[in-house]
Amino acid sequence: MCCMMHDMAHAEPDTQMRMASGMHCMTHDMAHAEHSAKMSAMGAPQQNEPLIDILKRRYAKGEITKEQFEEMKRDLDL
């Protein structure tokens, strides 16, 4: 990152803009990856996780009652 900043200081203005934009995207991607890893470690639902598995996990953790589990299952046609 330090070398990129040094190179950017010696670049043309439009090149500086592209490099800054690239660094912003790289920083954003790193922050998103860190957030995803934390959420996964916390047991948060993943985007591809089947709904029934989410319900089962929530029931097992005591977040919802058996009645809520059954009602949500019916509501979602699972």
PDB file of N, CA and C in Angstrom:
ATOM      1  N   MET A   1       0.834  -1.178   0.000  1.00  0.00           N
ATOM      2  CA  MET A   1       0.000   0.000   0.000  1.00  0.00           C
ATOM      3  C   MET A   1       0.881   1.244   0.000  1.00  0.00           C
ATOM      4  N   CYS A   2       1.964   1.227   0.781  1.00  0.00           N
ATOM      5  CA  CYS A   2       2.858   2.375   0.854  1.00  0.00           C
ATOM      6  C   CYS A   2       3.474   2.660  -0.517  1.00  0.00           C
ATOM      7  N   CYS A   3       3.881   1.607  -1.223  1.00  0.00           N
ATOM      8  CA  CYS A   3       4.455   1.788  -2.565  1.00  0.00           C
ATOM      9  C   CYS A   3       3.418   2.360  -3.522  1.00  0.00           C
ATOM     10  N   MET A   4       2.166   1.925  -3.366  1.00  0.00           N
ATOM     11  CA  MET A   4       1.112   2.445  -4.236  1.00  0.00           C
ATOM     12  C   MET A   4       0.925   3.937  -4.002  1.00  0.00           C
ATOM     13  N   MET A   5       0.993   4.342  -2.740  1.00  0.00           N
ATOM     14  CA  MET A   5       0.846   5.771  -2.428  1.00  0.00           C
ATOM     15  C   MET A   5       2.008   6.565  -3.021  1.00  0.00           C
ATOM     16  N   HIS A   6       3.214   6.023  -2.944  1.00  0.00           N
ATOM     17  CA  HIS A   6       4.381   6.686  -3.502  1.00  0.00           C
ATOM     18  C   HIS A   6       4.239   6.811  -5.018  1.00  0.00           C
ATOM     19  N   ASP A   7       3.857   5.726  -5.685  1.00  0.00           N
ATOM     20  CA  ASP A   7       3.663   5.751  -7.139  1.00  0.00           C
ATOM     21  C   ASP A   7       2.584   6.751  -7.520  1.00  0.00           C
ATOM     22  N   MET A   8       1.549   6.829  -6.712  1.00  0.00           N
ATOM     23  CA  MET A   8       0.446   7.727  -7.002  1.00  0.00           C
ATOM     24  C   MET A   8       0.900   9.189  -6.948  1.00  0.00           C
ATOM     25  N   ALA A   9       1.804   9.505  -6.046  1.00  0.00           N
ATOM     26  CA  ALA A   9       2.291  10.879  -5.909  1.00  0.00           C
ATOM     27  C   ALA A   9       3.031  11.339  -7.158  1.00  0.00           C
ATOM     28  N   HIS A  10       3.605  10.399  -7.902  1.00  0.00           N
ATOM     29  CA  HIS A  10       4.372  10.737  -9.101  1.00  0.00           C
ATOM     30  C   HIS A  10       3.592  10.522 -10.400  1.00  0.00           C
ATOM     31  N   ALA A  11       2.331  10.162 -10.300  1.00  0.00           N
ATOM     32  CA  ALA A  11       1.526   9.861 -11.490  1.00  0.00           C
ATOM     33  C   ALA A  11       0.782  11.096 -11.979  1.00  0.00           C
ATOM     34  N   GLU A  12       0.291  11.017 -13.213  1.00  0.00           N
ATOM     35  CA  GLU A  12      -0.539  12.078 -13.791  1.00  0.00           C
ATOM     36  C   GLU A  12      -1.875  12.123 -13.048  1.00  0.00           C
ATOM     37  N   PRO A  13      -2.560  13.270 -13.064  1.00  0.00           N
ATOM     38  CA  PRO A  13      -3.813  13.413 -12.311  1.00  0.00           C
ATOM     39  C   PRO A  13      -4.861  12.351 -12.619  1.00  0.00           C
ATOM     40  N   ASP A  14      -5.107  12.023 -13.905  1.00  0.00           N
ATOM     41  CA  ASP A  14      -6.138  11.020 -14.184  1.00  0.00           C
ATOM     42  C   ASP A  14      -5.665   9.625 -13.766  1.00  0.00           C
ATOM     43  N   THR A  15      -4.364   9.378 -13.820  1.00  0.00           N
ATOM     44  CA  THR A  15      -3.832   8.106 -13.330  1.00  0.00           C
ATOM     45  C   THR A  15      -3.975   8.051 -11.813  1.00  0.00           C
ATOM     46  N   GLN A  16      -3.759   9.188 -11.150  1.00  0.00           N
ATOM     47  CA  GLN A  16      -3.935   9.247  -9.700  1.00  0.00           C
ATOM     48  C   GLN A  16      -5.373   8.890  -9.324  1.00  0.00           C
ATOM     49  N   MET A  17      -6.310   9.410 -10.110  1.00  0.00           N
ATOM     50  CA  MET A  17      -7.723   9.152  -9.845  1.00  0.00           C
ATOM     51  C   MET A  17      -8.037   7.662  -9.985  1.00  0.00           C
ATOM     52  N   ARG A  18      -7.532   7.029 -11.062  1.00  0.00           N
ATOM     53  CA  ARG A  18      -7.771   5.589 -11.263  1.00  0.00           C
ATOM     54  C   ARG A  18      -7.123   4.774 -10.149  1.00  0.00           C
ATOM     55  N   MET A  19      -5.917   5.153  -9.739  1.00  0.00           N
ATOM     56  CA  MET A  19      -5.230   4.414  -8.680  1.00  0.00           C
ATOM     57  C   MET A  19      -5.975   4.571  -7.353  1.00  0.00           C
ATOM     58  N   ALA A  20      -6.460   5.782  -7.070  1.00  0.00           N
ATOM     59  CA  ALA A  20      -7.213   6.018  -5.827  1.00  0.00           C
ATOM     60  C   ALA A  20      -8.502   5.203  -5.837  1.00  0.00           C
ATOM     61  N   SER A  21      -9.153   5.165  -6.990  1.00  0.00           N
ATOM     62  CA  SER A  21     -10.382   4.389  -7.116  1.00  0.00           C
ATOM     63  C   SER A  21     -10.100   2.907  -6.902  1.00  0.00           C
ATOM     64  N   GLY A  22      -9.009   2.423  -7.463  1.00  0.00           N
ATOM     65  CA  GLY A  22      -8.625   1.020  -7.294  1.00  0.00           C
ATOM     66  C   GLY A  22      -8.321   0.692  -5.842  1.00  0.00           C
ATOM     67  N   MET A  23      -7.648   1.630  -5.154  1.00  0.00           N
ATOM     68  CA  MET A  23      -7.341   1.412  -3.740  1.00  0.00           C
ATOM     69  C   MET A  23      -8.621   1.405  -2.912  1.00  0.00           C
ATOM     70  N   HIS A  24      -9.564   2.280  -3.269  1.00  0.00           N
ATOM     71  CA  HIS A  24     -10.841   2.314  -2.557  1.00  0.00           C
ATOM     72  C   HIS A  24     -11.565   0.983  -2.721  1.00  0.00           C
ATOM     73  N   CYS A  25     -11.609   0.467  -3.932  1.00  0.00           N
ATOM     74  CA  CYS A  25     -12.283  -0.816  -4.190  1.00  0.00           C
ATOM     75  C   CYS A  25     -11.602  -1.945  -3.424  1.00  0.00           C
ATOM     76  N   MET A  26     -10.270  -1.938  -3.422  1.00  0.00           N
ATOM     77  CA  MET A  26      -9.522  -2.979  -2.725  1.00  0.00           C
ATOM     78  C   MET A  26      -9.815  -2.912  -1.218  1.00  0.00           C
ATOM     79  N   THR A  27      -9.846  -1.713  -0.660  1.00  0.00           N
ATOM     80  CA  THR A  27     -10.140  -1.535   0.762  1.00  0.00           C
ATOM     81  C   THR A  27     -11.562  -1.990   1.067  1.00  0.00           C
ATOM     82  N   HIS A  28     -12.502  -1.635   0.193  1.00  0.00           N
ATOM     83  CA  HIS A  28     -13.901  -2.045   0.364  1.00  0.00           C
ATOM     84  C   HIS A  28     -14.019  -3.563   0.336  1.00  0.00           C
ATOM     85  N   ASP A  29     -13.369  -4.201  -0.625  1.00  0.00           N
ATOM     86  CA  ASP A  29     -13.421  -5.661  -0.729  1.00  0.00           C
ATOM     87  C   ASP A  29     -12.849  -6.335   0.508  1.00  0.00           C
ATOM     88  N   MET A  30     -11.763  -5.788   1.042  1.00  0.00           N
ATOM     89  CA  MET A  30     -11.150  -6.364   2.241  1.00  0.00           C
ATOM     90  C   MET A  30     -12.095  -6.215   3.439  1.00  0.00           C
ATOM     91  N   ALA A  31     -12.736  -5.067   3.564  1.00  0.00           N
ATOM     92  CA  ALA A  31     -13.665  -4.841   4.665  1.00  0.00           C
ATOM     93  C   ALA A  31     -14.872  -5.774   4.540  1.00  0.00           C
ATOM     94  N   HIS A  32     -15.371  -5.962   3.322  1.00  0.00           N
ATOM     95  CA  HIS A  32     -16.509  -6.849   3.098  1.00  0.00           C
ATOM     96  C   HIS A  32     -16.143  -8.290   3.445  1.00  0.00           C
ATOM     97  N   ALA A  33     -14.959  -8.730   3.058  1.00  0.00           N
ATOM     98  CA  ALA A  33     -14.517 -10.093   3.358  1.00  0.00           C
ATOM     99  C   ALA A  33     -14.400 -10.291   4.867  1.00  0.00           C
ATOM    100  N   GLU A  34     -13.874  -9.295   5.561  1.00  0.00           N
ATOM    101  CA  GLU A  34     -13.741  -9.385   7.027  1.00  0.00           C
ATOM    102  C   GLU A  34     -15.116  -9.455   7.680  1.00  0.00           C
ATOM    103  N   HIS A  35     -16.055  -8.640   7.210  1.00  0.00           N
ATOM    104  CA  HIS A  35     -17.410  -8.637   7.750  1.00  0.00           C
ATOM    105  C   HIS A  35     -18.078  -9.995   7.513  1.00  0.00           C
ATOM    106  N   SER A  36     -17.925 -10.548   6.320  1.00  0.00           N
ATOM    107  CA  SER A  36     -18.527 -11.841   5.999  1.00  0.00           C
ATOM    108  C   SER A  36     -17.972 -12.940   6.889  1.00  0.00           C
ATOM    109  N   ALA A  37     -16.664 -12.900   7.126  1.00  0.00           N
ATOM    110  CA  ALA A  37     -16.033 -13.905   7.978  1.00  0.00           C
ATOM    111  C   ALA A  37     -16.559 -13.806   9.411  1.00  0.00           C
ATOM    112  N   LYS A  38     -16.726 -12.582   9.912  1.00  0.00           N
ATOM    113  CA  LYS A  38     -17.247 -12.388  11.272  1.00  0.00           C
ATOM    114  C   LYS A  38     -18.677 -12.893  11.371  1.00  0.00           C
ATOM    115  N   MET A  39     -19.499 -12.566  10.382  1.00  0.00           N
ATOM    116  CA  MET A  39     -20.895 -12.989  10.413  1.00  0.00           C
ATOM    117  C   MET A  39     -21.002 -14.500  10.345  1.00  0.00           C
ATOM    118  N   SER A  40     -20.176 -15.125   9.536  1.00  0.00           N
ATOM    119  CA  SER A  40     -20.176 -16.575   9.419  1.00  0.00           C
ATOM    120  C   SER A  40     -19.778 -17.212  10.743  1.00  0.00           C
ATOM    121  N   ALA A  41     -18.776 -16.651  11.396  1.00  0.00           N
ATOM    122  CA  ALA A  41     -18.310 -17.175  12.675  1.00  0.00           C
ATOM    123  C   ALA A  41     -19.379 -17.027  13.753  1.00  0.00           C
ATOM    124  N   MET A  42     -20.230 -16.020  13.630  1.00  0.00           N
ATOM    125  CA  MET A  42     -21.287 -15.779  14.606  1.00  0.00           C
ATOM    126  C   MET A  42     -22.490 -16.680  14.369  1.00  0.00           C
ATOM    127  N   GLY A  43     -22.480 -17.448  13.293  1.00  0.00           N
ATOM    128  CA  GLY A  43     -23.612 -18.311  12.998  1.00  0.00           C
ATOM    129  C   GLY A  43     -24.705 -17.605  12.222  1.00  0.00           C
ATOM    130  N   ALA A  44     -24.380 -16.490  11.607  1.00  0.00           N
ATOM    131  CA  ALA A  44     -25.362 -15.763  10.806  1.00  0.00           C
ATOM    132  C   ALA A  44     -25.662 -16.557   9.541  1.00  0.00           C
ATOM    133  N   PRO A  45     -26.885 -16.453   9.029  1.00  0.00           N
ATOM    134  CA  PRO A  45     -27.232 -17.192   7.823  1.00  0.00           C
ATOM    135  C   PRO A  45     -26.400 -16.760   6.615  1.00  0.00           C
ATOM    136  N   GLN A  46     -26.022 -17.708   5.817  1.00  0.00           N
ATOM    137  CA  GLN A  46     -25.293 -17.443   4.588  1.00  0.00           C
ATOM    138  C   GLN A  46     -26.312 -17.259   3.468  1.00  0.00           C
ATOM    139  N   GLN A  47     -25.927 -16.587   2.408  1.00  0.00           N
ATOM    140  CA  GLN A  47     -26.855 -16.296   1.315  1.00  0.00           C
ATOM    141  C   GLN A  47     -27.405 -17.561   0.670  1.00  0.00           C
ATOM    142  N   ASN A  48     -26.622 -18.626   0.602  1.00  0.00           N
ATOM    143  CA  ASN A  48     -27.052 -19.833  -0.094  1.00  0.00           C
ATOM    144  C   ASN A  48     -27.660 -20.863   0.852  1.00  0.00           C
ATOM    145  N   GLU A  49     -27.759 -20.546   2.128  1.00  0.00           N
ATOM    146  CA  GLU A  49     -28.264 -21.493   3.107  1.00  0.00           C
ATOM    147  C   GLU A  49     -29.765 -21.698   2.915  1.00  0.00           C
ATOM    148  N   PRO A  50     -30.207 -22.953   2.825  1.00  0.00           N
ATOM    149  CA  PRO A  50     -31.647 -23.204   2.673  1.00  0.00           C
ATOM    150  C   PRO A  50     -32.430 -22.654   3.862  1.00  0.00           C
ATOM    151  N   LEU A  51     -33.619 -22.137   3.588  1.00  0.00           N
ATOM    152  CA  LEU A  51     -34.443 -21.543   4.637  1.00  0.00           C
ATOM    153  C   LEU A  51     -34.758 -22.526   5.752  1.00  0.00           C
ATOM    154  N   ILE A  52     -34.990 -23.778   5.421  1.00  0.00           N
ATOM    155  CA  ILE A  52     -35.311 -24.765   6.451  1.00  0.00           C
ATOM    156  C   ILE A  52     -34.146 -24.924   7.426  1.00  0.00           C
ATOM    157  N   ASP A  53     -32.922 -24.833   6.916  1.00  0.00           N
ATOM    158  CA  ASP A  53     -31.752 -24.945   7.790  1.00  0.00           C
ATOM    159  C   ASP A  53     -31.649 -23.749   8.728  1.00  0.00           C
ATOM    160  N   ILE A  54     -32.013 -22.577   8.228  1.00  0.00           N
ATOM    161  CA  ILE A  54     -32.005 -21.374   9.074  1.00  0.00           C
ATOM    162  C   ILE A  54     -33.027 -21.537  10.197  1.00  0.00           C
ATOM    163  N   LEU A  55     -34.225 -22.002   9.825  1.00  0.00           N
ATOM    164  CA  LEU A  55     -35.259 -22.212  10.838  1.00  0.00           C
ATOM    165  C   LEU A  55     -34.826 -23.244  11.871  1.00  0.00           C
ATOM    166  N   LYS A  56     -34.251 -24.342  11.398  1.00  0.00           N
ATOM    167  CA  LYS A  56     -33.803 -25.395  12.325  1.00  0.00           C
ATOM    168  C   LYS A  56     -32.739 -24.870  13.283  1.00  0.00           C
ATOM    169  N   ARG A  57     -31.817 -24.080  12.771  1.00  0.00           N
ATOM    170  CA  ARG A  57     -30.763 -23.535  13.613  1.00  0.00           C
ATOM    171  C   ARG A  57     -31.349 -22.581  14.657  1.00  0.00           C
ATOM    172  N   ARG A  58     -32.268 -21.722  14.229  1.00  0.00           N
ATOM    173  CA  ARG A  58     -32.887 -20.772  15.157  1.00  0.00           C
ATOM    174  C   ARG A  58     -33.684 -21.500  16.240  1.00  0.00           C
ATOM    175  N   TYR A  59     -34.362 -22.577  15.866  1.00  0.00           N
ATOM    176  CA  TYR A  59     -35.114 -23.373  16.838  1.00  0.00           C
ATOM    177  C   TYR A  59     -34.153 -24.051  17.814  1.00  0.00           C
ATOM    178  N   ALA A  60     -33.090 -24.621  17.285  1.00  0.00           N
ATOM    179  CA  ALA A  60     -32.095 -25.300  18.124  1.00  0.00           C
ATOM    180  C   ALA A  60     -31.428 -24.336  19.098  1.00  0.00           C
ATOM    181  N   LYS A  61     -31.229 -23.089  18.688  1.00  0.00           N
ATOM    182  CA  LYS A  61     -30.591 -22.091  19.556  1.00  0.00           C
ATOM    183  C   LYS A  61     -31.583 -21.481  20.551  1.00  0.00           C
ATOM    184  N   GLY A  62     -32.866 -21.827  20.417  1.00  0.00           N
ATOM    185  CA  GLY A  62     -33.870 -21.289  21.327  1.00  0.00           C
ATOM    186  C   GLY A  62     -34.356 -19.901  20.948  1.00  0.00           C
ATOM    187  N   GLU A  63     -34.058 -19.469  19.736  1.00  0.00           N
ATOM    188  CA  GLU A  63     -34.487 -18.139  19.298  1.00  0.00           C
ATOM    189  C   GLU A  63     -35.971 -18.097  18.966  1.00  0.00           C
ATOM    190  N   ILE A  64     -36.522 -19.248  18.573  1.00  0.00           N
ATOM    191  CA  ILE A  64     -37.947 -19.339  18.260  1.00  0.00           C
ATOM    192  C   ILE A  64     -38.517 -20.583  18.940  1.00  0.00           C
ATOM    193  N   THR A  65     -39.808 -20.533  19.225  1.00  0.00           N
ATOM    194  CA  THR A  65     -40.481 -21.671  19.849  1.00  0.00           C
ATOM    195  C   THR A  65     -40.858 -22.693  18.785  1.00  0.00           C
ATOM    196  N   LYS A  66     -41.305 -23.858  19.251  1.00  0.00           N
ATOM    197  CA  LYS A  66     -41.751 -24.896  18.312  1.00  0.00           C
ATOM    198  C   LYS A  66     -42.930 -24.383  17.485  1.00  0.00           C
ATOM    199  N   GLU A  67     -43.825 -23.658  18.135  1.00  0.00           N
ATOM    200  CA  GLU A  67     -44.992 -23.116  17.427  1.00  0.00           C
ATOM    201  C   GLU A  67     -44.568 -22.122  16.345  1.00  0.00           C
ATOM    202  N   GLN A  68     -43.608 -21.248  16.695  1.00  0.00           N
ATOM    203  CA  GLN A  68     -43.101 -20.285  15.712  1.00  0.00           C
ATOM    204  C   GLN A  68     -42.401 -21.017  14.563  1.00  0.00           C
ATOM    205  N   PHE A  69     -41.629 -22.046  14.914  1.00  0.00           N
ATOM    206  CA  PHE A  69     -40.942 -22.839  13.898  1.00  0.00           C
ATOM    207  C   PHE A  69     -41.952 -23.417  12.914  1.00  0.00           C
ATOM    208  N   GLU A  70     -42.993 -24.058  13.437  1.00  0.00           N
ATOM    209  CA  GLU A  70     -44.006 -24.693  12.582  1.00  0.00           C
ATOM    210  C   GLU A  70     -44.757 -23.650  11.754  1.00  0.00           C
ATOM    211  N   GLU A  71     -45.081 -22.514  12.358  1.00  0.00           N
ATOM    212  CA  GLU A  71     -45.796 -21.464  11.645  1.00  0.00           C
ATOM    213  C   GLU A  71     -44.927 -20.890  10.502  1.00  0.00           C
ATOM    214  N   MET A  72     -43.673 -20.632  10.801  1.00  0.00           N
ATOM    215  CA  MET A  72     -42.773 -20.100   9.761  1.00  0.00           C
ATOM    216  C   MET A  72     -42.589 -21.120   8.648  1.00  0.00           C
ATOM    217  N   LYS A  73     -42.502 -22.366   9.009  1.00  0.00           N
ATOM    218  CA  LYS A  73     -42.350 -23.429   8.013  1.00  0.00           C
ATOM    219  C   LYS A  73     -43.570 -23.448   7.078  1.00  0.00           C
ATOM    220  N   ARG A  74     -44.757 -23.333   7.659  1.00  0.00           N
ATOM    221  CA  ARG A  74     -45.995 -23.301   6.843  1.00  0.00           C
ATOM    222  C   ARG A  74     -46.009 -22.045   5.974  1.00  0.00           C
ATOM    223  N   ASP A  75     -45.689 -20.900   6.570  1.00  0.00           N
ATOM    224  CA  ASP A  75     -45.714 -19.625   5.826  1.00  0.00           C
ATOM    225  C   ASP A  75     -44.772 -19.644   4.632  1.00  0.00           C
ATOM    226  N   LEU A  76     -43.644 -20.339   4.774  1.00  0.00           N
ATOM    227  CA  LEU A  76     -42.650 -20.384   3.709  1.00  0.00           C
ATOM    228  C   LEU A  76     -42.816 -21.583   2.785  1.00  0.00           C
ATOM    229  N   ASP A  77     -43.890 -22.367   3.011  1.00  0.00           N
ATOM    230  CA  ASP A  77     -44.153 -23.566   2.200  1.00  0.00           C
ATOM    231  C   ASP A  77     -42.969 -24.526   2.198  1.00  0.00           C
ATOM    232  N   LEU A  78     -42.419 -24.782   3.391  1.00  0.00           N
ATOM    233  CA  LEU A  78     -41.267 -25.683   3.502  1.00  0.00           C
ATOM    234  C   LEU A  78     -41.685 -27.027   4.030  1.00  0.00           C
TER     235      LEU A  78
END
